Amino acid sequence: MSASHFTVLHQDTTSRARLGSLKTAHGEIETPIFMPVGTNATVKAMKPEDLLAVNAQIILANTYHLYLRPGQRLVEQLGGLHAFMNWQRPILTDSGGFQVFSLGELRKISEEGVRFQSHLDGSYHFLTPELSVGIQEALGADIIMCFDECPAATADYTYVSRSLEMTTRWAQRCKDAHRREGQQLFGIIQGGMHFDLRARSLEEICAIGFDGYALGGLSVGEEKEQMYGVMDACAPLMPKDAPRYIMGIGAPEDLVEAVWHGYDMFDCVMPTRNARNGMLFTSQGRINIKSKIYEEDGGALDPDCGCYVCRNYSRAYLRHLYRAGEILSSNLNTYHNLYFFLDLMKRMRAAINSNSFGDFRRSFYTKQQINQKV
């Protein structure tokens, strides 16, 4: 596959925001899009039917976790991820790099790859760019990611510079190892918070040539102004005819800013993890459903939301479920949060199509009661 599978359908006249279409082996994706995270071949607390109901166009699964359990060969034997989890829309798998590098003392990096200990049983494994690609090919995802190193936000300039050089070499090895037809391979741009290193990484990764390009190493502890600065610096340098993916960002305001800057694809555990912890997203801002103020509140969670949860259940009931530790709490909270995120993306696509994204962005900040800093 090539970047020709991505088409920019419309460019907003008030910003860099763009409306696009990404064709994959399991369907066409409207961009900009948010991808719910299904780490272990499941989006926590959601059935595939629920995901269809909230109109999830594509979900993300995790290479590291599926490699350790149940193993990519079993998934392949049972028909690949789509059959294994009964999901017939597109799937993206990450490379496993972020999870491996998050292990800290449990991993050791070399030019060949990364030796690490499993967080499950302490067993030792060695993950290389070639193995990462092989695992993802066996899983059968529509879009797979290059294996890269993700330095900490606090890493110094020298370390980040050397790291991105190795990431570039690993990206070439990933491309050389990739064999599966009908599967797109995305390259990852690193460089920390250093604009010159980001520009160098971008030039090197684009020179190798991939089906799409991702910014890695964001939302790893940096200030929002730093994150937005990297978005702003990189977008004009990225190919116009390929999808642009920012990995791991998920706060609604960050999604709005990323789309404003011209990015197309996003993923984060925030809507699902926050849901299980009682933090819910609404058109008027975040709600902590655990709060006692909702104990007798018979109103809808979000009167402006059209999701199944807001049409059928009160804040008081959602609080009761959470306080009682009921499984239904995680399901309903997750359903609502994912609906909110995916509806936010839908409304952003409509605003781009009508050349009104600037107005949409201002209105979003006003309703969310967030100070617009950029």
Protein backbone atom coordinates (compact mmCIF):
# COMPACT_ATOMS: atom_id res chain seq x y z
CA MET A 1 0.00 0.00 0.00
CA SER A 2 1.00 3.63 -0.36
CA ALA A 3 -0.09 7.09 0.66
CA SER A 4 -2.51 7.04 -2.29
CA HIS A 5 -4.87 5.17 0.05
CA PHE A 6 -5.27 8.46 1.93
CA THR A 7 -7.11 11.37 0.37
CA VAL A 8 -7.57 14.89 1.72
CA LEU A 9 -11.19 15.64 0.88
CA HIS A 10 -11.36 19.20 2.17
CA GLN A 11 -9.06 21.77 3.75
CA ASP A 12 -10.64 24.13 6.29
CA THR A 13 -10.14 27.76 5.27
CA THR A 14 -9.85 28.98 8.88
CA SER A 15 -7.11 26.59 10.07
CA ARG A 16 -4.83 23.71 9.06
CA ALA A 17 -7.62 21.25 9.90
CA ARG A 18 -8.42 18.82 7.10
CA LEU A 19 -11.08 16.27 6.26
CA GLY A 20 -9.76 12.99 4.90
CA SER A 21 -10.47 9.41 3.90
CA LEU A 22 -8.17 6.49 4.71
CA LYS A 23 -8.86 3.22 2.90
CA THR A 24 -7.85 -0.01 4.61
CA ALA A 25 -8.40 -3.72 4.00
CA HIS A 26 -11.33 -3.68 6.45
CA GLY A 27 -13.02 -0.47 5.42
CA GLU A 28 -12.70 3.24 4.89
CA ILE A 29 -12.00 5.60 7.80
CA GLU A 30 -13.20 9.20 7.94
CA THR A 31 -10.57 11.51 9.42
CA PRO A 32 -9.89 13.18 11.75
CA ILE A 33 -10.63 10.16 13.93
CA PHE A 34 -10.10 8.96 17.50
CA MET A 35 -9.22 5.29 18.02
CA PRO A 36 -10.44 3.58 21.22
CA VAL A 37 -7.69 1.49 22.82
CA GLY A 38 -8.27 -2.26 23.01
CA THR A 39 -5.02 -3.33 24.68
CA ASN A 40 -5.76 -7.04 25.05
CA ALA A 41 -7.94 -7.42 21.93
CA THR A 42 -10.83 -5.84 23.80
CA VAL A 43 -11.85 -2.29 24.62
CA LYS A 44 -12.36 -2.64 28.36
CA ALA A 45 -16.02 -2.87 29.42
CA MET A 46 -17.29 -2.70 25.83
CA LYS A 47 -18.68 -5.45 23.58
CA PRO A 48 -18.01 -5.13 19.83
CA GLU A 49 -21.71 -4.31 19.44
CA ASP A 50 -21.26 -1.38 21.83
CA LEU A 51 -18.34 -0.12 19.79
CA LEU A 52 -20.45 -0.24 16.65
CA ALA A 53 -23.22 1.65 18.47
CA VAL A 54 -20.88 4.53 19.36
CA ASN A 55 -19.53 4.37 15.77
CA ALA A 56 -15.93 3.42 16.47
CA GLN A 57 -14.44 3.30 12.97
CA ILE A 58 -11.11 1.80 14.04
CA ILE A 59 -9.64 0.50 17.29
CA LEU A 60 -6.09 0.00 18.53
CA ALA A 61 -4.62 -3.20 19.97
CA ASN A 62 -1.32 -3.65 21.77
CA THR A 63 1.50 -5.72 20.31
CA TYR A 64 3.44 -6.09 23.57
CA HIS A 65 0.49 -7.44 25.55
CA LEU A 66 -0.79 -9.76 22.83
CA TYR A 67 2.73 -11.12 22.23
CA LEU A 68 2.99 -12.08 25.91
CA ARG A 69 -0.59 -13.36 26.17
CA PRO A 70 -2.08 -15.26 24.35
CA GLY A 71 0.74 -15.06 21.77
CA GLN A 72 0.56 -13.95 18.16
CA ARG A 73 0.69 -17.49 16.78
CA LEU A 74 -2.51 -18.49 18.56
CA VAL A 75 -4.24 -15.35 17.29
CA GLU A 76 -3.01 -16.09 13.77
CA GLN A 77 -4.13 -19.72 14.02
CA LEU A 78 -7.63 -18.56 14.99
CA GLY A 79 -7.97 -16.25 12.00
CA GLY A 80 -6.18 -13.08 13.11
CA LEU A 81 -7.32 -10.30 15.40
CA HIS A 82 -10.49 -9.50 13.47
CA ALA A 83 -11.85 -13.03 13.82
CA PHE A 84 -10.38 -13.55 17.29
CA MET A 85 -12.22 -10.56 18.78
CA ASN A 86 -15.18 -10.49 16.38
CA TRP A 87 -14.38 -7.01 15.05
CA GLN A 88 -14.66 -6.52 11.29
CA ARG A 89 -13.75 -2.86 11.10
CA PRO A 90 -10.11 -1.65 10.86
CA ILE A 91 -7.53 -2.31 13.57
CA LEU A 92 -4.22 -0.57 14.24
CA THR A 93 -1.53 -2.22 16.34
CA ASP A 94 1.25 -0.29 18.03
CA SER A 95 4.76 -1.71 17.89
CA GLY A 96 5.12 -2.57 21.57
CA GLY A 97 7.94 -0.07 21.87
CA PHE A 98 6.25 2.33 24.28
CA GLN A 99 5.28 -0.48 26.68
CA VAL A 100 8.75 -2.02 26.59
CA PHE A 101 10.46 1.30 27.23
CA SER A 102 8.03 2.03 30.06
CA LEU A 103 9.39 -1.00 31.93
CA GLY A 104 12.38 1.02 33.17
CA GLU A 105 14.83 -1.23 35.00
CA LEU A 106 13.20 -4.31 33.50
CA ARG A 107 14.62 -3.58 30.04
CA LYS A 108 18.00 -3.04 28.35
CA ILE A 109 18.37 -1.30 24.98
CA SER A 110 20.94 -2.20 22.34
CA GLU A 111 21.33 -1.54 18.64
CA GLU A 112 19.84 -4.94 17.87
CA GLY A 113 16.72 -4.45 19.99
CA VAL A 114 15.45 -4.47 23.56
CA ARG A 115 15.82 -7.21 26.16
CA PHE A 116 13.06 -7.04 28.74
CA GLN A 117 11.33 -8.92 31.51
CA SER A 118 7.64 -9.69 31.22
CA HIS A 119 5.47 -7.83 33.71
CA LEU A 120 3.35 -11.01 33.89
CA ASP A 121 5.82 -13.68 34.99
CA GLY A 122 9.30 -12.15 34.92
CA SER A 123 10.39 -14.19 31.89
CA TYR A 124 13.00 -12.66 29.58
CA HIS A 125 12.30 -11.66 25.97
CA PHE A 126 14.20 -9.90 23.21
CA LEU A 127 12.15 -7.63 20.95
CA THR A 128 13.69 -6.43 17.68
CA PRO A 129 12.26 -4.32 14.86
CA GLU A 130 11.93 -7.47 12.77
CA LEU A 131 10.10 -9.37 15.52
CA SER A 132 7.77 -6.44 16.18
CA VAL A 133 6.78 -6.37 12.51
CA GLY A 134 6.43 -10.16 12.46
CA ILE A 135 4.13 -10.14 15.48
CA GLN A 136 1.96 -7.43 13.92
CA GLU A 137 1.81 -9.29 10.61
CA ALA A 138 0.67 -12.42 12.44
CA LEU A 139 -1.97 -10.44 14.31
CA GLY A 140 -3.25 -9.21 10.95
CA ALA A 141 -3.92 -5.55 11.76
CA ASP A 142 -4.79 -3.16 8.93
CA ILE A 143 -2.21 -0.60 10.09
CA ILE A 144 0.99 -1.47 11.94
CA MET A 145 3.67 0.72 13.49
CA CYS A 146 7.45 0.77 13.26
CA PHE A 147 9.41 -0.21 16.36
CA ASP A 148 10.93 2.91 17.92
CA GLU A 149 12.44 4.17 21.15
CA CYS A 150 10.32 6.65 23.08
CA PRO A 151 12.64 8.75 25.31
CA ALA A 152 11.32 10.32 28.49
CA ALA A 153 10.25 13.96 28.31
CA THR A 154 13.14 14.76 30.67
CA ALA A 155 15.82 13.10 28.48
CA ASP A 156 18.67 15.44 27.57
CA TYR A 157 19.45 16.66 24.06
CA THR A 158 22.37 14.29 23.47
CA TYR A 159 20.38 11.23 24.47
CA VAL A 160 17.36 12.22 22.37
CA SER A 161 19.62 12.86 19.36
CA ARG A 162 21.24 9.42 19.59
CA SER A 163 17.88 7.79 20.25
CA LEU A 164 16.24 9.21 17.14
CA GLU A 165 19.20 8.06 15.04
CA MET A 166 18.60 4.52 16.26
CA THR A 167 14.85 4.91 15.70
CA THR A 168 15.61 5.81 12.08
CA ARG A 169 17.79 2.72 11.64
CA TRP A 170 15.08 0.60 13.24
CA ALA A 171 12.47 2.15 10.92
CA GLN A 172 14.48 1.04 7.88
CA ARG A 173 14.73 -2.46 9.34
CA CYS A 174 10.97 -2.50 9.91
CA LYS A 175 10.31 -1.51 6.30
CA ASP A 176 12.76 -4.13 5.03
CA ALA A 177 11.07 -6.80 7.18
CA HIS A 178 7.49 -5.94 6.23
CA ARG A 179 6.00 -8.51 3.84
CA ARG A 180 2.25 -8.75 4.42
CA GLU A 181 0.13 -7.48 1.53
CA GLY A 182 -2.82 -5.22 2.28
CA GLN A 183 -1.27 -3.98 5.52
CA GLN A 184 -0.09 -0.39 5.93
CA LEU A 185 3.12 0.44 7.81
CA PHE A 186 3.47 3.82 9.54
CA GLY A 187 6.78 5.44 10.49
CA ILE A 188 7.26 7.22 13.83
CA ILE A 189 8.93 10.60 14.29
CA GLN A 190 10.81 11.22 17.53
CA GLY A 191 12.98 14.09 18.77
CA GLY A 192 11.52 15.00 22.13
CA MET A 193 10.72 18.66 22.70
CA HIS A 194 13.58 19.80 20.44
CA PHE A 195 12.27 21.29 17.21
CA ASP A 196 15.53 20.78 15.30
CA LEU A 197 15.63 17.10 16.26
CA ARG A 198 11.98 16.67 15.31
CA ALA A 199 12.72 18.21 11.91
CA ARG A 200 15.70 15.89 11.42
CA SER A 201 13.74 12.81 12.45
CA LEU A 202 10.87 13.79 10.19
CA GLU A 203 13.16 14.24 7.20
CA GLU A 204 14.87 10.89 7.78
CA ILE A 205 11.65 8.90 8.34
CA CYS A 206 9.95 10.48 5.32
CA ALA A 207 13.01 9.69 3.18
CA ILE A 208 12.53 5.98 3.98
CA GLY A 209 8.90 6.28 2.90
CA PHE A 210 5.86 4.93 4.74
CA ASP A 211 2.09 4.73 4.33
CA GLY A 212 1.56 7.20 7.17
CA TYR A 213 3.54 9.18 9.72
CA ALA A 214 3.14 9.42 13.49
CA LEU A 215 4.47 11.76 16.14
CA GLY A 216 5.68 9.68 19.07
CA GLY A 217 7.00 10.88 22.41
CA LEU A 218 4.15 13.26 23.23
CA SER A 219 1.87 13.23 26.27
CA VAL A 220 4.72 11.71 28.27
CA GLY A 221 4.85 14.34 31.01
CA GLU A 222 5.60 17.54 29.11
CA GLU A 223 3.66 20.79 29.50
CA LYS A 224 0.80 21.35 27.08
CA GLU A 225 2.55 24.36 25.58
CA GLN A 226 5.50 22.11 24.72
CA MET A 227 3.21 19.53 23.15
CA TYR A 228 1.40 22.14 21.09
CA GLY A 229 4.73 23.64 20.05
CA VAL A 230 5.87 20.29 18.63
CA MET A 231 2.53 19.89 16.82
CA ASP A 232 2.88 23.34 15.31
CA ALA A 233 6.50 22.86 14.25
CA CYS A 234 6.05 19.43 12.66
CA ALA A 235 2.74 19.74 10.78
CA PRO A 236 4.02 21.96 7.92
CA LEU A 237 6.94 19.57 7.36
CA MET A 238 4.84 16.41 7.12
CA PRO A 239 3.69 14.99 3.77
CA LYS A 240 0.32 16.44 2.75
CA ASP A 241 -0.84 13.24 1.03
CA ALA A 242 -0.33 10.84 3.96
CA PRO A 243 -2.21 10.42 7.25
CA ARG A 244 -0.72 12.20 10.26
CA TYR A 245 -1.07 10.37 13.56
CA ILE A 246 -0.29 11.68 17.06
CA MET A 247 0.16 8.73 19.38
CA GLY A 248 -1.21 8.67 22.92
CA ILE A 249 -2.98 12.02 23.24
CA GLY A 250 -6.56 12.05 24.46
CA ALA A 251 -7.69 15.09 26.46
CA PRO A 252 -10.53 16.64 24.43
CA GLU A 253 -8.76 19.99 24.25
CA ASP A 254 -5.61 18.26 22.97
CA LEU A 255 -7.63 16.59 20.21
CA VAL A 256 -9.12 19.94 19.18
CA GLU A 257 -5.66 21.53 19.08
CA ALA A 258 -4.19 18.62 17.13
CA VAL A 259 -6.94 18.80 14.51
CA TRP A 260 -6.49 22.59 14.38
CA HIS A 261 -2.83 22.00 13.55
CA GLY A 262 -3.64 19.52 10.76
CA TYR A 263 -3.41 16.03 12.28
CA ASP A 264 -5.73 13.15 11.41
CA MET A 265 -5.53 10.21 13.84
CA PHE A 266 -5.37 9.87 17.63
CA ASP A 267 -5.57 7.26 20.40
CA CYS A 268 -5.52 7.26 24.18
CA VAL A 269 -6.75 5.21 27.14
CA MET A 270 -8.13 8.38 28.76
CA PRO A 271 -11.84 7.96 27.93
CA THR A 272 -11.93 4.30 28.99
CA ARG A 273 -9.62 4.52 32.01
CA ASN A 274 -11.29 7.67 33.31
CA ALA A 275 -14.70 6.04 32.86
CA ARG A 276 -13.74 3.15 35.12
CA ASN A 277 -12.56 5.68 37.72
CA GLY A 278 -15.79 7.69 37.59
CA MET A 279 -14.52 10.66 35.58
CA LEU A 280 -16.93 11.44 32.75
CA PHE A 281 -16.68 13.90 29.87
CA THR A 282 -19.59 16.17 29.00
CA SER A 283 -20.32 19.14 26.76
CA GLN A 284 -19.89 21.37 29.82
CA GLY A 285 -16.65 19.83 31.05
CA ARG A 286 -15.61 16.87 33.22
CA ILE A 287 -17.85 15.35 35.89
CA ASN A 288 -16.67 13.26 38.83
CA ILE A 289 -19.69 10.97 39.17
CA LYS A 290 -18.43 9.80 42.58
CA SER A 291 -19.27 13.21 44.05
CA LYS A 292 -22.03 13.38 46.67
CA ILE A 293 -23.65 16.28 44.82
CA TYR A 294 -25.04 13.75 42.32
CA GLU A 295 -26.55 11.46 44.98
CA GLU A 296 -30.12 12.70 44.35
CA ASP A 297 -29.61 14.16 40.87
CA GLY A 298 -32.30 12.75 38.59
CA GLY A 299 -31.05 14.61 35.52
CA ALA A 300 -29.21 13.18 32.53
CA LEU A 301 -25.44 12.95 32.72
CA ASP A 302 -25.20 15.39 29.81
CA PRO A 303 -28.50 16.91 28.57
CA ASP A 304 -26.80 17.82 25.27
CA CYS A 305 -25.62 14.25 24.61
CA GLY A 306 -27.66 11.83 22.52
CA CYS A 307 -25.99 8.61 23.68
CA TYR A 308 -27.88 5.62 25.09
CA VAL A 309 -26.64 6.34 28.62
CA CYS A 310 -27.71 9.98 28.68
CA ARG A 311 -31.11 9.07 27.21
CA ASN A 312 -31.85 6.36 29.76
CA TYR A 313 -30.04 6.87 33.07
CA SER A 314 -29.71 9.60 35.70
CA ARG A 315 -26.60 10.94 37.35
CA ALA A 316 -27.90 9.53 40.63
CA TYR A 317 -28.10 6.02 39.16
CA LEU A 318 -24.63 6.24 37.62
CA ARG A 319 -23.26 7.38 40.96
CA HIS A 320 -25.05 4.52 42.72
CA LEU A 321 -23.58 1.94 40.31
CA TYR A 322 -20.08 3.29 40.81
CA ARG A 323 -20.38 3.42 44.60
CA ALA A 324 -21.80 -0.12 44.66
CA GLY A 325 -18.92 -1.44 42.55
CA GLU A 326 -21.29 -2.79 39.91
CA ILE A 327 -19.85 -4.04 36.61
CA LEU A 328 -22.56 -2.08 34.77
CA SER A 329 -20.92 1.12 36.02
CA SER A 330 -17.81 0.52 33.91
CA ASN A 331 -19.92 -0.39 30.87
CA LEU A 332 -22.22 2.65 30.99
CA ASN A 333 -19.46 5.10 31.89
CA THR A 334 -17.19 3.79 29.13
CA TYR A 335 -20.01 3.80 26.60
CA HIS A 336 -20.73 7.45 27.33
CA ASN A 337 -17.09 8.60 27.31
CA LEU A 338 -16.36 6.89 24.00
CA TYR A 339 -19.56 8.28 22.49
CA PHE A 340 -18.48 11.75 23.65
CA PHE A 341 -15.02 11.41 22.09
CA LEU A 342 -16.27 9.98 18.80
CA ASP A 343 -19.09 12.51 18.58
CA LEU A 344 -16.53 15.26 19.21
CA MET A 345 -14.56 13.99 16.20
CA LYS A 346 -17.76 13.85 14.12
CA ARG A 347 -18.58 17.45 15.00
CA MET A 348 -15.02 18.50 14.14
CA ARG A 349 -15.31 16.83 10.74
CA ALA A 350 -18.56 18.72 10.11
CA ALA A 351 -16.95 22.01 11.12
CA ILE A 352 -14.03 21.42 8.74
CA ASN A 353 -16.41 20.58 5.93
CA SER A 354 -18.25 23.90 6.45
CA ASN A 355 -15.05 25.96 6.84
CA SER A 356 -16.00 26.88 10.40
CA PHE A 357 -13.40 25.08 12.48
CA GLY A 358 -12.16 28.33 13.98
CA ASP A 359 -15.64 29.08 15.32
CA PHE A 360 -16.00 25.49 16.52
CA ARG A 361 -12.73 25.70 18.43
CA ARG A 362 -13.68 28.94 20.18
CA SER A 363 -17.11 27.57 21.10
CA PHE A 364 -15.55 24.36 22.44
CA TYR A 365 -13.26 26.24 24.79
CA THR A 366 -16.10 28.44 26.02
CA LYS A 367 -18.41 25.49 26.78
CA GLN A 368 -15.65 23.48 28.42
CA GLN A 369 -14.65 26.50 30.49
CA ILE A 370 -11.03 26.10 29.45
CA ASN A 371 -8.76 29.08 28.91
CA GLN A 372 -7.65 29.07 25.28
CA LYS A 373 -3.89 29.55 25.39
CA VAL A 374 -3.01 29.07 21.74
